[in-house]
């Protein structure tokens, strides 16, 4: 499925969801979630392509694979938190959406700490001599 087909399907789902929400908001939310799941499937299906490019990149450049692993985890966490937050906002639960976003930010900070400490150690080693 290419991006144009996904975009067109998304616009159609949104238009139908808006019309259904006028009649019954419960069904509109369910349709919105179904559209989000469709989009998530599209993104996840593209992950194999991204992984193959990362494998090729690590073959050319000697990069510690743990750094790339952390970056991919961070991208996944950010995407999942945004997805969950947007669903909460669509359902009218803005406070829950904010909490999901906050939990994601804290998780990202915790996940990045080992890399930050490695950079700091490297800088200290270079400065000391």
C-alpha atoms as a PDB file:
ATOM      1  CA  UNK A   1       0.000   0.000   0.000  1.00  0.00           C
ATOM      2  CA  UNK A   2       1.530   3.319  -0.989  1.00  0.00           C
ATOM      3  CA  UNK A   3       1.265   6.632   0.808  1.00  0.00           C
ATOM      4  CA  UNK A   4      -1.334   8.056  -1.575  1.00  0.00           C
ATOM      5  CA  UNK A   5      -3.700   5.126  -0.970  1.00  0.00           C
ATOM      6  CA  UNK A   6      -3.217   5.391   2.789  1.00  0.00           C
ATOM      7  CA  UNK A   7      -3.791   9.152   2.716  1.00  0.00           C
ATOM      8  CA  UNK A   8      -6.929   8.797   0.625  1.00  0.00           C
ATOM      9  CA  UNK A   9      -8.272   6.040   2.877  1.00  0.00           C
ATOM     10  CA  UNK A  10      -7.526   8.201   5.923  1.00  0.00           C
ATOM     11  CA  UNK A  11      -9.436  11.172   4.525  1.00  0.00           C
ATOM     12  CA  UNK A  12     -12.397   8.924   3.711  1.00  0.00           C
ATOM     13  CA  UNK A  13     -12.376   7.414   7.215  1.00  0.00           C
ATOM     14  CA  UNK A  14     -12.219  10.886   8.776  1.00  0.00           C
ATOM     15  CA  UNK A  15     -15.121  12.161   6.683  1.00  0.00           C
ATOM     16  CA  UNK A  16     -17.235   9.133   7.547  1.00  0.00           C
ATOM     17  CA  UNK A  17     -16.248   9.349  11.241  1.00  0.00           C
ATOM     18  CA  UNK A  18     -17.236  13.021  11.403  1.00  0.00           C
ATOM     19  CA  UNK A  19     -20.617  12.236   9.873  1.00  0.00           C
ATOM     20  CA  UNK A  20     -21.169   9.247  12.182  1.00  0.00           C
ATOM     21  CA  UNK A  21     -20.143  11.265  15.259  1.00  0.00           C
ATOM     22  CA  UNK A  22     -23.067  13.582  14.538  1.00  0.00           C
ATOM     23  CA  UNK A  23     -25.426  10.611  14.858  1.00  0.00           C
ATOM     24  CA  UNK A  24     -23.678   8.585  17.581  1.00  0.00           C
ATOM     25  CA  UNK A  25     -20.319   9.608  19.013  1.00  0.00           C
ATOM     26  CA  UNK A  26     -19.508   6.073  20.195  1.00  0.00           C
ATOM     27  CA  UNK A  27     -19.445   4.641  16.690  1.00  0.00           C
ATOM     28  CA  UNK A  28     -17.478   7.623  15.436  1.00  0.00           C
ATOM     29  CA  UNK A  29     -14.759   6.978  17.997  1.00  0.00           C
ATOM     30  CA  UNK A  30     -14.646   3.279  17.080  1.00  0.00           C
ATOM     31  CA  UNK A  31     -14.282   4.198  13.410  1.00  0.00           C
ATOM     32  CA  UNK A  32     -11.516   6.685  14.271  1.00  0.00           C
ATOM     33  CA  UNK A  33      -9.649   3.997  16.217  1.00  0.00           C
ATOM     34  CA  UNK A  34     -10.033   1.587  13.298  1.00  0.00           C
ATOM     35  CA  UNK A  35      -8.549   4.208  10.991  1.00  0.00           C
ATOM     36  CA  UNK A  36      -5.655   4.727  13.390  1.00  0.00           C
ATOM     37  CA  UNK A  37      -4.999   0.986  13.497  1.00  0.00           C
ATOM     38  CA  UNK A  38      -4.945   0.948   9.698  1.00  0.00           C
ATOM     39  CA  UNK A  39      -2.353   3.704   9.694  1.00  0.00           C
ATOM     40  CA  UNK A  40      -0.303   1.951  12.359  1.00  0.00           C
ATOM     41  CA  UNK A  41      -0.260  -1.198  10.215  1.00  0.00           C
ATOM     42  CA  UNK A  42       1.083   0.867   7.312  1.00  0.00           C
ATOM     43  CA  UNK A  43       3.847   2.331   9.458  1.00  0.00           C
ATOM     44  CA  UNK A  44       4.807  -1.010  11.017  1.00  0.00           C
ATOM     45  CA  UNK A  45       4.910  -2.668   7.609  1.00  0.00           C
ATOM     46  CA  UNK A  46       7.476  -0.065   6.537  1.00  0.00           C
ATOM     47  CA  UNK A  47       9.663  -0.945   9.508  1.00  0.00           C
ATOM     48  CA  UNK A  48      11.232  -3.902   7.665  1.00  0.00           C
ATOM     49  CA  UNK A  49      12.478  -1.553   4.980  1.00  0.00           C
ATOM     50  CA  UNK A  50      13.919   0.788   7.599  1.00  0.00           C
ATOM     51  CA  UNK A  51      15.615  -2.146   9.349  1.00  0.00           C
ATOM     52  CA  UNK A  52      17.258  -3.281   6.111  1.00  0.00           C
ATOM     53  CA  UNK A  53      18.616   0.223   5.496  1.00  0.00           C
ATOM     54  CA  UNK A  54      19.971   0.338   9.036  1.00  0.00           C
ATOM     55  CA  UNK A  55      21.682  -3.018   8.498  1.00  0.00           C
ATOM     56  CA  UNK A  56      23.308  -1.668   5.331  1.00  0.00           C
ATOM     57  CA  UNK A  57      24.357   1.490   7.151  1.00  0.00           C
ATOM     58  CA  UNK A  58      25.999  -0.418   9.995  1.00  0.00           C
ATOM     59  CA  UNK A  59      27.865  -2.525   7.413  1.00  0.00           C
ATOM     60  CA  UNK A  60      29.418   0.612   5.905  1.00  0.00           C
ATOM     61  CA  UNK A  61      30.120   2.509   9.099  1.00  0.00           C
ATOM     62  CA  UNK A  62      31.335   1.015  12.343  1.00  0.00           C
ATOM     63  CA  UNK A  63      28.577   2.174  14.664  1.00  0.00           C
ATOM     64  CA  UNK A  64      27.772   0.548  17.973  1.00  0.00           C
ATOM     65  CA  UNK A  65      24.524  -1.299  17.288  1.00  0.00           C
ATOM     66  CA  UNK A  66      23.281  -0.593  20.816  1.00  0.00           C
ATOM     67  CA  UNK A  67      23.003   3.107  19.942  1.00  0.00           C
ATOM     68  CA  UNK A  68      20.861   2.346  16.919  1.00  0.00           C
ATOM     69  CA  UNK A  69      18.797  -0.052  19.022  1.00  0.00           C
ATOM     70  CA  UNK A  70      18.106   2.703  21.556  1.00  0.00           C
ATOM     71  CA  UNK A  71      17.196   5.191  18.824  1.00  0.00           C
ATOM     72  CA  UNK A  72      14.732   2.733  17.270  1.00  0.00           C
ATOM     73  CA  UNK A  73      13.188   2.052  20.676  1.00  0.00           C
ATOM     74  CA  UNK A  74      12.828   5.794  21.225  1.00  0.00           C
ATOM     75  CA  UNK A  75      11.104   6.236  17.867  1.00  0.00           C
ATOM     76  CA  UNK A  76       8.735   3.375  18.685  1.00  0.00           C
ATOM     77  CA  UNK A  77       7.918   4.764  22.124  1.00  0.00           C
ATOM     78  CA  UNK A  78       7.279   8.223  20.689  1.00  0.00           C
ATOM     79  CA  UNK A  79       4.993   6.802  17.999  1.00  0.00           C
ATOM     80  CA  UNK A  80       3.016   4.614  20.418  1.00  0.00           C
ATOM     81  CA  UNK A  81       2.593   7.468  22.914  1.00  0.00           C
ATOM     82  CA  UNK A  82       1.447   9.854  20.209  1.00  0.00           C
ATOM     83  CA  UNK A  83      -0.968   7.243  18.858  1.00  0.00           C
ATOM     84  CA  UNK A  84      -2.435   6.626  22.324  1.00  0.00           C
ATOM     85  CA  UNK A  85      -2.596  10.333  23.097  1.00  0.00           C
ATOM     86  CA  UNK A  86      -4.425  11.120  19.874  1.00  0.00           C
ATOM     87  CA  UNK A  87      -6.985   8.388  20.546  1.00  0.00           C
ATOM     88  CA  UNK A  88      -7.542   9.811  24.041  1.00  0.00           C
ATOM     89  CA  UNK A  89      -8.010  13.289  22.558  1.00  0.00           C
ATOM     90  CA  UNK A  90     -10.494  11.968  19.981  1.00  0.00           C
ATOM     91  CA  UNK A  91     -12.473  10.385  22.809  1.00  0.00           C
ATOM     92  CA  UNK A  92     -12.485  13.704  24.696  1.00  0.00           C
ATOM     93  CA  UNK A  93     -10.106  12.569  27.454  1.00  0.00           C
ATOM     94  CA  UNK A  94      -7.569  15.382  27.223  1.00  0.00           C
ATOM     95  CA  UNK A  95      -6.233  14.846  30.752  1.00  0.00           C
ATOM     96  CA  UNK A  96      -5.427  11.212  29.982  1.00  0.00           C
ATOM     97  CA  UNK A  97      -3.818  12.259  26.710  1.00  0.00           C
ATOM     98  CA  UNK A  98      -1.534  14.646  28.591  1.00  0.00           C
ATOM     99  CA  UNK A  99      -0.556  11.917  31.035  1.00  0.00           C
ATOM    100  CA  UNK A 100       0.276   9.509  28.210  1.00  0.00           C
ATOM    101  CA  UNK A 101       2.475  12.182  26.640  1.00  0.00           C
ATOM    102  CA  UNK A 102       4.196  12.851  29.972  1.00  0.00           C
ATOM    103  CA  UNK A 103       4.824   9.143  30.543  1.00  0.00           C
ATOM    104  CA  UNK A 104       6.330   8.891  27.070  1.00  0.00           C
ATOM    105  CA  UNK A 105       8.633  11.852  27.657  1.00  0.00           C
ATOM    106  CA  UNK A 106       9.864  10.439  30.961  1.00  0.00           C
ATOM    107  CA  UNK A 107      10.433   7.046  29.357  1.00  0.00           C
ATOM    108  CA  UNK A 108      12.418   8.671  26.550  1.00  0.00           C
ATOM    109  CA  UNK A 109      14.574  10.559  29.043  1.00  0.00           C
ATOM    110  CA  UNK A 110      15.276   7.366  31.006  1.00  0.00           C
ATOM    111  CA  UNK A 111      16.070   5.455  27.828  1.00  0.00           C
ATOM    112  CA  UNK A 112      18.519   8.113  26.656  1.00  0.00           C
ATOM    113  CA  UNK A 113      20.458   8.320  29.936  1.00  0.00           C
ATOM    114  CA  UNK A 114      23.003   5.559  29.159  1.00  0.00           C
ATOM    115  CA  UNK A 115      23.886   7.244  25.863  1.00  0.00           C
ATOM    116  CA  UNK A 116      24.138  10.640  27.546  1.00  0.00           C
ATOM    117  CA  UNK A 117      26.416   9.181  30.217  1.00  0.00           C
ATOM    118  CA  UNK A 118      28.591   7.606  27.504  1.00  0.00           C
ATOM    119  CA  UNK A 119      28.930  10.965  25.747  1.00  0.00           C
ATOM    120  CA  UNK A 120      29.815  12.687  29.013  1.00  0.00           C
ATOM    121  CA  UNK A 121      32.419  10.011  29.806  1.00  0.00           C
ATOM    122  CA  UNK A 122      33.912  10.430  26.327  1.00  0.00           C
ATOM    123  CA  UNK A 123      34.123  14.210  26.722  1.00  0.00           C
ATOM    124  CA  UNK A 124      35.737  13.891  30.140  1.00  0.00           C
ATOM    125  CA  UNK A 125      38.255  11.391  28.774  1.00  0.00           C
ATOM    126  CA  UNK A 126      39.152  13.703  25.872  1.00  0.00           C
ATOM    127  CA  UNK A 127      39.455  16.776  28.106  1.00  0.00           C
ATOM    128  CA  UNK A 128      41.590  15.002  30.725  1.00  0.00           C
ATOM    129  CA  UNK A 129      43.970  13.875  28.173  1.00  0.00           C
END
